[in-house]
Amino acid sequence: MTNTQTAPDGRAEAPARRVTGLRTFFISGLGTALEFYDFIIYGFAASLVFPQLFFPTEDRLVGTLVAFAAFGVGFIARPLGGIVVGHFGDRIGRKSMLVLTLLLMGISTFLIGCLPTYDSVGVLAPVLLIALRLVQGFAAGGEWGGASLFGIENAPESRRGLWGSFTSMGIGLGSVFGTIVFLIIAAIPGLSLEDGAWRIAFWLGGLLVVIGLIARTRMPDEKVDKQAAPRVPLVAAIRRHPKQMLLAIGVAFGYNTVAYVGTIFAMTYTLNRGWDDNETLVFQLVGSVGFVTAAPLMGLLSDRIGRKKVVIGGSIIYGLFFFAFLGTVDSGILLLAIVGNILMSVFMAMPQGVIPAFLGEQFSKESRYSSISATYQIGAALGGGTAAPVATALFIAFNEGSLGVGLYSGAACVLLALCAWGLRETFRTPTAQLGEH
């Protein structure tokens, strides 16, 4: 897609530099991958080592519950990050905000790798960890919406679903990177996660952000019409799109609940069923690869048959399959558990691959960054921030049985499907007309 700018005297200027799909992927998808690598490795550490190092208790499962609660603290800051970064993204442009969020995530992740443990400084250790989790949450809150919109707004008309899915691919790639790093660390003789090797993953995450910064500082500079932009874009969005705002929050709540139960809590469930750390990480790895592969295919499918069909269909299929997935883990058969993890991740990618385009297309451009960031991150905080602790509590309450967790995940899928059903179908709407009444 080539844009031609018009000079003040009416003469056509040279065409703007073309934004290709590959370039968009590096800016949107790879940048998000590096950022969510930082976010996901905390989740891994919360399952594998943080209960002993930062939240020591006599009962490992209780320690895991507390570590997951600290994981959820990061979600408290995500709506604030979405609102603040989204505001300035609408007012001054996407580029500077995407650079800022990447910097914040990289610095906070590197510093987590430098933290002393509970044995060294006592209660100060978890306090510092939680403070840095808040910074991570703020950065992640502003990241997702801007990265999604860069793909959608630069895509050809018939490929917004596909280009929007680059952000979803980035989330999956971040999980792949994080899992591989933990597997390598665990495989090196003489290294132990509990004895400090976990720090390597966080230090590496801080350094890898430099790659994303190089891509984002070379983004094309978009021009923002400050005269046309609302003074407070979020307020303007609430006035213009109140129904869409509420339903988008419901979509984000449902999906994030499903996603974090199926990833972060699933690690605890797998460990509880007798699988060791390496096997659990392998399950995460193959699942993440399945997710990365499926997400763009689902985005492309939504360009053909519509966003709502893929999101709603994926929600129903995932909700039904989740019980079978838990059964594959319970079976104790390695191959069956691997297949279960792959299928679960593919079905999880059905809604997630489409959600960036589906939600972004609901809102008008002048307040789109604020709208998609605020709604998605509020839903993420309410759903994703509570998913792992609630699932763990249900697991304990049901005497370490799977029924409570399965019903919880199924209810989230129903909510996701109903809210998606209430939103507009937008896959055939021209980009310039998105958000119009």
Protein backbone atom coordinates (compact mmCIF):
# COMPACT_ATOMS: atom_id res chain seq x y z
CA MET A 1 0.00 0.00 0.00
CA THR A 2 1.64 3.24 -1.18
CA ASN A 3 0.46 6.57 0.19
CA THR A 4 0.99 9.79 -1.73
CA GLN A 5 1.27 13.01 0.29
CA THR A 6 0.12 16.37 -1.07
CA ALA A 7 2.29 19.45 -0.70
CA PRO A 8 0.83 22.78 0.51
CA ASP A 9 0.92 24.23 -3.03
CA GLY A 10 -1.15 21.35 -4.37
CA ARG A 11 1.66 19.42 -6.05
CA ALA A 12 1.95 15.74 -5.32
CA GLU A 13 4.97 14.80 -3.28
CA ALA A 14 6.94 11.58 -3.70
CA PRO A 15 5.05 8.47 -2.58
CA ALA A 16 5.50 7.59 1.08
CA ARG A 17 7.75 4.64 1.78
CA ARG A 18 5.79 1.44 1.27
CA VAL A 19 4.98 -0.54 4.40
CA THR A 20 5.24 -4.20 3.44
CA GLY A 21 3.82 -7.17 5.28
CA LEU A 22 7.29 -8.36 6.31
CA ARG A 23 8.24 -4.93 7.61
CA THR A 24 4.95 -4.66 9.48
CA PHE A 25 5.60 -8.04 11.06
CA PHE A 26 9.02 -6.92 12.33
CA ILE A 27 7.57 -3.73 13.80
CA SER A 28 4.32 -5.14 15.12
CA GLY A 29 4.84 -8.88 15.58
CA LEU A 30 8.52 -9.17 16.47
CA GLY A 31 8.42 -6.15 18.78
CA THR A 32 5.47 -7.67 20.60
CA ALA A 33 7.26 -11.03 20.72
CA LEU A 34 10.21 -9.52 22.53
CA GLU A 35 7.94 -7.62 24.88
CA PHE A 36 5.75 -10.61 25.71
CA TYR A 37 8.80 -12.81 26.09
CA ASP A 38 9.57 -10.61 29.07
CA PHE A 39 6.00 -10.93 30.31
CA ILE A 40 5.71 -14.70 29.85
CA ILE A 41 8.97 -15.67 31.53
CA TYR A 42 7.63 -14.20 34.74
CA GLY A 43 4.71 -16.60 34.44
CA PHE A 44 7.10 -19.52 33.97
CA ALA A 45 9.20 -18.42 36.93
CA ALA A 46 6.05 -18.02 39.03
CA SER A 47 5.26 -21.69 38.38
CA LEU A 48 8.78 -23.09 38.66
CA VAL A 49 10.96 -21.11 41.09
CA PHE A 50 9.42 -17.91 42.50
CA PRO A 51 7.29 -19.68 45.13
CA GLN A 52 10.49 -20.90 46.84
CA LEU A 53 12.65 -17.81 46.20
CA PHE A 54 10.26 -14.92 46.84
CA PHE A 55 7.17 -16.37 48.56
CA PRO A 56 8.40 -19.29 50.69
CA THR A 57 5.76 -21.37 52.49
CA GLU A 58 5.60 -24.96 53.71
CA ASP A 59 3.02 -25.82 51.04
CA ARG A 60 4.33 -25.38 47.47
CA LEU A 61 0.80 -25.08 46.03
CA VAL A 62 0.02 -22.20 48.42
CA GLY A 63 3.33 -20.57 47.48
CA THR A 64 2.38 -20.91 43.82
CA LEU A 65 -0.97 -19.29 44.54
CA VAL A 66 0.79 -16.29 46.13
CA ALA A 67 3.27 -16.09 43.24
CA PHE A 68 0.35 -16.07 40.79
CA ALA A 69 -1.27 -13.29 42.80
CA ALA A 70 1.94 -11.28 42.34
CA PHE A 71 1.74 -12.16 38.63
CA GLY A 72 -1.77 -10.71 38.63
CA VAL A 73 -0.54 -7.46 40.16
CA GLY A 74 1.04 -6.64 36.81
CA PHE A 75 -2.43 -6.64 35.30
CA ILE A 76 -3.52 -3.86 37.64
CA ALA A 77 -1.22 -1.48 35.79
CA ARG A 78 -2.25 -2.65 32.32
CA PRO A 79 -5.43 -0.52 32.06
CA LEU A 80 -3.47 2.52 33.24
CA GLY A 81 -0.81 1.82 30.62
CA GLY A 82 -3.47 1.33 27.97
CA ILE A 83 -5.25 4.59 28.85
CA VAL A 84 -2.13 6.77 29.19
CA VAL A 85 -0.19 5.37 26.24
CA GLY A 86 -3.36 5.16 24.12
CA HIS A 87 -4.12 8.82 24.82
CA PHE A 88 -0.75 10.00 23.60
CA GLY A 89 -0.81 7.49 20.75
CA ASP A 90 -3.94 9.21 19.44
CA ARG A 91 -2.65 12.70 20.19
CA ILE A 92 0.98 12.54 19.01
CA GLY A 93 1.27 9.27 17.07
CA ARG A 94 1.90 5.54 17.41
CA LYS A 95 5.67 5.42 16.87
CA SER A 96 6.93 7.19 20.00
CA MET A 97 4.56 5.23 22.23
CA LEU A 98 5.64 1.87 20.82
CA VAL A 99 9.29 2.78 21.44
CA LEU A 100 8.47 3.88 25.00
CA THR A 101 6.61 0.69 25.94
CA LEU A 102 9.44 -1.48 24.64
CA LEU A 103 12.02 0.46 26.64
CA LEU A 104 10.00 0.20 29.86
CA MET A 105 9.49 -3.52 29.45
CA GLY A 106 13.16 -4.18 28.72
CA ILE A 107 14.49 -2.19 31.67
CA SER A 108 12.04 -3.64 34.21
CA THR A 109 12.68 -7.19 33.02
CA PHE A 110 16.46 -6.80 33.29
CA LEU A 111 16.09 -5.43 36.82
CA ILE A 112 13.93 -8.39 37.89
CA GLY A 113 16.91 -10.55 37.01
CA CYS A 114 19.02 -8.51 39.44
CA LEU A 115 16.68 -8.77 42.45
CA PRO A 116 17.81 -10.30 45.76
CA THR A 117 15.70 -13.20 47.04
CA TYR A 118 13.69 -13.57 50.25
CA ASP A 119 16.58 -15.35 51.97
CA SER A 120 18.80 -12.28 51.38
CA VAL A 121 16.58 -9.30 52.21
CA GLY A 122 13.35 -10.74 53.56
CA VAL A 123 10.06 -9.10 52.68
CA LEU A 124 11.79 -6.40 50.61
CA ALA A 125 12.40 -8.99 47.88
CA PRO A 126 8.72 -9.62 46.99
CA VAL A 127 7.98 -5.89 47.37
CA LEU A 128 10.61 -5.01 44.75
CA LEU A 129 9.40 -7.83 42.51
CA ILE A 130 5.83 -6.56 42.64
CA ALA A 131 6.97 -2.98 41.92
CA LEU A 132 8.76 -4.11 38.76
CA ARG A 133 5.73 -6.21 37.80
CA LEU A 134 3.69 -3.01 37.88
CA VAL A 135 6.10 -1.39 35.42
CA GLN A 136 5.90 -4.46 33.18
CA GLY A 137 2.12 -4.29 33.31
CA PHE A 138 2.06 -0.60 32.39
CA ALA A 139 4.31 -1.26 29.39
CA ALA A 140 2.31 -4.29 28.21
CA GLY A 141 -0.90 -2.26 28.56
CA GLY A 142 0.30 0.32 26.08
CA GLU A 143 2.04 -2.13 23.75
CA TRP A 144 -0.71 -4.40 22.49
CA GLY A 145 -3.09 -1.79 21.12
CA GLY A 146 -0.43 0.22 19.26
CA ALA A 147 1.18 -2.85 17.73
CA SER A 148 -2.21 -4.18 16.62
CA LEU A 149 -3.21 -0.90 15.05
CA PHE A 150 0.05 -0.54 13.15
CA GLY A 151 -0.76 -3.80 11.39
CA ILE A 152 -4.43 -3.03 10.78
CA GLU A 153 -3.98 0.55 9.58
CA ASN A 154 -1.22 -0.34 7.11
CA ALA A 155 -2.84 -3.49 5.73
CA PRO A 156 -4.47 -3.90 2.32
CA GLU A 157 -8.26 -3.73 2.62
CA SER A 158 -8.70 -7.49 2.24
CA ARG A 159 -5.89 -8.45 4.64
CA ARG A 160 -6.58 -6.57 7.88
CA GLY A 161 -7.31 -9.81 9.71
CA LEU A 162 -4.03 -11.34 8.57
CA TRP A 163 -1.90 -8.27 9.28
CA GLY A 164 -3.63 -7.71 12.61
CA SER A 165 -2.75 -11.29 13.56
CA PHE A 166 0.97 -10.38 13.50
CA THR A 167 0.51 -9.12 17.06
CA SER A 168 -1.05 -12.43 18.07
CA MET A 169 1.85 -14.24 16.43
CA GLY A 170 4.18 -12.03 18.46
CA ILE A 171 2.58 -13.16 21.71
CA GLY A 172 3.09 -16.78 20.67
CA LEU A 173 6.66 -16.16 19.54
CA GLY A 174 7.40 -14.53 22.89
CA SER A 175 6.23 -17.71 24.56
CA VAL A 176 8.40 -19.81 22.20
CA PHE A 177 11.48 -17.69 22.97
CA GLY A 178 10.84 -17.82 26.71
CA THR A 179 10.25 -21.57 26.76
CA ILE A 180 13.39 -22.31 24.72
CA VAL A 181 15.49 -20.16 27.04
CA PHE A 182 14.18 -21.95 30.13
CA LEU A 183 14.73 -25.35 28.48
CA ILE A 184 18.33 -24.48 27.55
CA ILE A 185 19.08 -23.19 31.05
CA ALA A 186 17.60 -26.32 32.61
CA ALA A 187 19.64 -28.55 30.26
CA ILE A 188 23.07 -27.00 30.97
CA PRO A 189 24.99 -29.16 33.46
CA GLY A 190 25.79 -27.40 36.70
CA LEU A 191 23.04 -24.79 36.29
CA SER A 192 19.95 -24.84 38.50
CA LEU A 193 16.93 -22.58 38.17
CA GLU A 194 16.57 -22.42 41.95
CA ASP A 195 20.24 -21.45 42.43
CA GLY A 196 20.07 -18.40 40.20
CA ALA A 197 20.03 -19.63 36.60
CA TRP A 198 16.51 -18.19 36.26
CA ARG A 199 18.14 -14.74 36.22
CA ILE A 200 19.67 -15.43 32.81
CA ALA A 201 16.24 -15.46 31.17
CA PHE A 202 15.42 -12.00 32.55
CA TRP A 203 18.78 -10.50 31.67
CA LEU A 204 18.49 -11.88 28.15
CA GLY A 205 14.99 -10.42 27.85
CA GLY A 206 16.27 -6.96 28.68
CA LEU A 207 19.00 -7.23 26.06
CA LEU A 208 16.75 -8.67 23.33
CA VAL A 209 14.55 -5.59 23.48
CA VAL A 210 17.32 -3.74 21.63
CA ILE A 211 16.34 -5.71 18.49
CA GLY A 212 12.78 -4.46 18.71
CA LEU A 213 13.93 -0.90 19.33
CA ILE A 214 15.97 -0.93 16.11
CA ALA A 215 12.87 -1.95 14.14
CA ARG A 216 10.58 0.56 15.82
CA THR A 217 12.87 3.58 15.61
CA ARG A 218 12.84 2.99 11.85
CA MET A 219 9.05 3.04 11.65
CA PRO A 220 7.58 5.57 9.20
CA ASP A 221 6.47 8.75 10.96
CA GLU A 222 2.72 9.16 10.74
CA LYS A 223 1.15 12.61 10.68
CA VAL A 224 -1.45 13.30 13.35
CA ASP A 225 -4.01 16.06 12.74
CA LYS A 226 -4.00 17.61 16.21
CA GLN A 227 -6.82 19.96 15.26
CA ALA A 228 -9.13 17.03 14.45
CA ALA A 229 -7.99 14.82 17.31
CA PRO A 230 -10.29 14.92 20.39
CA ARG A 231 -8.80 16.62 23.43
CA VAL A 232 -9.45 13.43 25.43
CA PRO A 233 -9.80 10.60 22.89
CA LEU A 234 -11.04 8.05 25.42
CA VAL A 235 -13.94 10.27 26.52
CA ALA A 236 -14.85 10.86 22.88
CA ALA A 237 -14.81 7.09 22.28
CA ILE A 238 -17.06 6.39 25.26
CA ARG A 239 -19.58 8.94 23.98
CA ARG A 240 -19.50 7.66 20.41
CA HIS A 241 -19.12 3.90 20.92
CA PRO A 242 -20.51 3.00 24.39
CA LYS A 243 -21.91 -0.40 23.34
CA GLN A 244 -18.73 -1.36 21.50
CA MET A 245 -16.59 -0.34 24.48
CA LEU A 246 -18.51 -2.57 26.91
CA LEU A 247 -18.64 -5.55 24.58
CA ALA A 248 -14.93 -5.22 23.74
CA ILE A 249 -14.15 -5.36 27.47
CA GLY A 250 -16.23 -8.55 27.65
CA VAL A 251 -14.33 -10.08 24.73
CA ALA A 252 -11.00 -9.23 26.35
CA PHE A 253 -12.15 -10.52 29.75
CA GLY A 254 -13.30 -13.84 28.33
CA TYR A 255 -10.29 -14.42 26.12
CA ASN A 256 -7.66 -13.47 28.69
CA THR A 257 -9.28 -15.72 31.27
CA VAL A 258 -9.15 -18.61 28.81
CA ALA A 259 -5.58 -17.83 27.71
CA TYR A 260 -4.01 -17.57 31.16
CA VAL A 261 -5.81 -20.62 32.50
CA GLY A 262 -4.63 -22.54 29.44
CA THR A 263 -1.01 -21.39 29.71
CA ILE A 264 0.12 -20.19 33.14
CA PHE A 265 -2.21 -22.32 35.28
CA ALA A 266 -1.76 -25.27 32.94
CA MET A 267 1.90 -25.41 33.98
CA THR A 268 0.92 -25.83 37.63
CA TYR A 269 -1.68 -28.45 36.68
CA THR A 270 0.89 -30.37 34.63
CA LEU A 271 3.47 -30.31 37.42
CA ASN A 272 0.84 -31.45 39.92
CA ARG A 273 0.03 -34.43 37.71
CA GLY A 274 3.59 -35.71 37.99
CA TRP A 275 5.26 -34.25 34.90
CA ASP A 276 8.69 -32.77 35.57
CA ASP A 277 9.88 -29.22 34.80
CA ASN A 278 11.43 -30.08 31.43
CA GLU A 279 8.38 -32.01 30.23
CA THR A 280 6.14 -29.12 31.28
CA LEU A 281 8.29 -26.67 29.31
CA VAL A 282 8.22 -28.97 26.27
CA PHE A 283 4.41 -28.93 26.41
CA GLN A 284 4.49 -25.13 26.48
CA LEU A 285 6.91 -25.06 23.56
CA VAL A 286 4.94 -27.30 21.22
CA GLY A 287 1.76 -25.49 22.18
CA SER A 288 3.31 -22.11 21.43
CA VAL A 289 4.52 -23.31 18.04
CA GLY A 290 0.99 -24.48 17.27
CA PHE A 291 -0.38 -21.10 18.34
CA VAL A 292 2.08 -19.14 16.18
CA THR A 293 1.25 -21.29 13.17
CA ALA A 294 -2.51 -21.10 13.63
CA ALA A 295 -2.92 -17.38 14.47
CA PRO A 296 -2.23 -15.96 10.98
CA LEU A 297 -4.33 -18.71 9.39
CA MET A 298 -7.26 -17.65 11.59
CA GLY A 299 -6.70 -14.00 10.71
CA LEU A 300 -6.70 -14.91 7.03
CA LEU A 301 -9.82 -17.06 7.47
CA SER A 302 -11.59 -14.08 9.06
CA ASP A 303 -10.74 -12.04 5.96
CA ARG A 304 -12.65 -14.64 3.94
CA ILE A 305 -15.69 -15.56 6.07
CA GLY A 306 -15.89 -12.81 8.72
CA ARG A 307 -14.49 -12.03 12.16
CA LYS A 308 -17.46 -13.11 14.25
CA LYS A 309 -17.70 -16.63 12.83
CA VAL A 310 -14.07 -17.39 13.66
CA VAL A 311 -14.11 -15.82 17.13
CA ILE A 312 -17.40 -17.40 18.19
CA GLY A 313 -16.60 -20.76 16.61
CA GLY A 314 -13.16 -20.82 18.21
CA SER A 315 -14.60 -19.98 21.62
CA ILE A 316 -17.09 -22.84 21.50
CA ILE A 317 -14.57 -25.38 20.22
CA TYR A 318 -11.98 -24.39 22.82
CA GLY A 319 -14.48 -24.49 25.69
CA LEU A 320 -15.53 -28.03 24.76
CA PHE A 321 -12.00 -29.28 24.11
CA PHE A 322 -10.50 -27.94 27.35
CA PHE A 323 -11.91 -30.89 29.31
CA ALA A 324 -10.27 -33.28 26.85
CA PHE A 325 -7.00 -31.38 27.17
CA LEU A 326 -6.98 -31.89 30.94
CA GLY A 327 -7.62 -35.58 30.29
CA THR A 328 -4.54 -35.83 28.06
CA VAL A 329 -2.42 -34.38 30.86
CA ASP A 330 -3.98 -36.79 33.37
CA SER A 331 -3.25 -39.76 31.09
CA GLY A 332 0.49 -39.75 31.81
CA ILE A 333 1.14 -40.60 28.13
CA LEU A 334 3.74 -38.22 26.69
CA LEU A 335 2.61 -38.27 23.06
CA LEU A 336 -1.04 -37.83 24.02
CA ALA A 337 -0.20 -34.88 26.26
CA ILE A 338 1.84 -33.25 23.48
CA VAL A 339 -1.05 -33.61 21.01
CA GLY A 340 -3.43 -32.22 23.61
CA ASN A 341 -1.26 -29.14 24.15
CA ILE A 342 -0.92 -28.50 20.41
CA LEU A 343 -4.67 -28.78 19.77
CA MET A 344 -5.51 -26.62 22.77
CA SER A 345 -3.16 -23.88 21.50
CA VAL A 346 -4.56 -24.06 17.95
CA PHE A 347 -8.11 -23.66 19.25
CA MET A 348 -6.93 -20.82 21.52
CA ALA A 349 -5.49 -19.09 18.44
CA MET A 350 -8.87 -19.08 16.70
CA PRO A 351 -10.23 -16.09 18.64
CA GLN A 352 -6.85 -14.49 19.43
CA GLY A 353 -5.69 -14.41 15.81
CA VAL A 354 -8.77 -12.36 14.92
CA ILE A 355 -9.27 -10.20 18.03
CA PRO A 356 -6.75 -7.43 17.10
CA ALA A 357 -8.54 -6.66 13.82
CA PHE A 358 -12.01 -7.37 15.20
CA LEU A 359 -11.70 -4.96 18.13
CA GLY A 360 -9.66 -2.33 16.30
CA GLU A 361 -12.25 -2.15 13.51
CA GLN A 362 -15.03 -1.23 15.94
CA PHE A 363 -13.67 2.30 16.57
CA SER A 364 -12.99 5.47 14.60
CA LYS A 365 -9.38 6.43 13.89
CA GLU A 366 -9.13 9.62 15.97
CA SER A 367 -9.70 7.66 19.20
CA ARG A 368 -8.83 4.12 18.09
CA TYR A 369 -5.61 3.70 20.10
CA SER A 370 -7.32 4.82 23.30
CA SER A 371 -10.38 2.69 22.59
CA ILE A 372 -8.70 -0.61 21.81
CA SER A 373 -6.06 -0.21 24.53
CA ALA A 374 -8.46 0.77 27.31
CA THR A 375 -11.07 -1.89 26.54
CA TYR A 376 -8.64 -4.74 25.97
CA GLN A 377 -6.49 -3.95 28.99
CA ILE A 378 -9.44 -3.50 31.36
CA GLY A 379 -10.70 -6.89 30.24
CA ALA A 380 -7.19 -8.34 30.54
CA ALA A 381 -6.83 -7.01 34.08
CA LEU A 382 -10.20 -8.36 35.20
CA GLY A 383 -9.84 -11.69 33.41
CA GLY A 384 -6.16 -12.48 32.87
CA GLY A 385 -5.04 -10.96 36.15
CA THR A 386 -7.34 -13.21 38.16
CA ALA A 387 -7.33 -16.33 35.97
CA ALA A 388 -4.35 -18.21 37.38
CA PRO A 389 -5.11 -17.44 41.06
CA VAL A 390 -8.82 -18.28 40.66
CA ALA A 391 -8.04 -21.48 38.75
CA THR A 392 -5.51 -22.50 41.40
CA ALA A 393 -8.02 -21.77 44.18
CA LEU A 394 -10.69 -23.84 42.37
CA PHE A 395 -8.16 -26.63 41.89
CA ILE A 396 -7.53 -26.66 45.65
CA ALA A 397 -11.25 -26.36 46.49
CA PHE A 398 -12.13 -29.35 44.26
CA ASN A 399 -9.52 -31.52 46.01
CA GLU A 400 -7.08 -31.10 43.11
CA GLY A 401 -9.68 -32.23 40.61
CA SER A 402 -10.16 -30.69 37.16
CA LEU A 403 -13.94 -30.10 37.17
CA GLY A 404 -13.91 -26.63 38.75
CA VAL A 405 -11.17 -25.34 36.44
CA GLY A 406 -12.90 -26.80 33.38
CA LEU A 407 -16.23 -25.14 34.23
CA TYR A 408 -14.47 -21.84 34.93
CA SER A 409 -12.75 -21.91 31.54
CA GLY A 410 -15.99 -22.93 29.83
CA ALA A 411 -17.89 -20.02 31.38
CA ALA A 412 -15.23 -17.61 30.09
CA CYS A 413 -15.64 -19.07 26.59
CA VAL A 414 -19.40 -18.52 26.72
CA LEU A 415 -18.90 -14.88 27.74
CA LEU A 416 -16.37 -14.37 24.95
CA ALA A 417 -18.75 -15.81 22.34
CA LEU A 418 -21.75 -13.75 23.52
CA CYS A 419 -19.84 -10.46 23.55
CA ALA A 420 -18.35 -11.16 20.11
CA TRP A 421 -21.85 -11.90 18.80
CA GLY A 422 -23.00 -8.44 19.97
CA LEU A 423 -20.27 -6.54 18.09
CA ARG A 424 -20.46 -5.40 14.46
CA GLU A 425 -19.21 -7.57 11.62
CA THR A 426 -16.53 -5.40 10.03
CA PHE A 427 -14.41 -7.52 7.70
CA ARG A 428 -15.95 -5.97 4.54
CA THR A 429 -16.01 -2.37 5.85
CA PRO A 430 -13.42 -0.12 4.10
CA THR A 431 -10.66 1.04 6.43
CA ALA A 432 -11.59 4.72 5.97
CA GLN A 433 -15.17 4.00 7.14
CA LEU A 434 -14.34 1.99 10.25
CA GLY A 435 -16.06 3.30 13.36
CA GLU A 436 -18.76 5.22 11.49
CA HIS A 437 -22.32 4.86 12.74
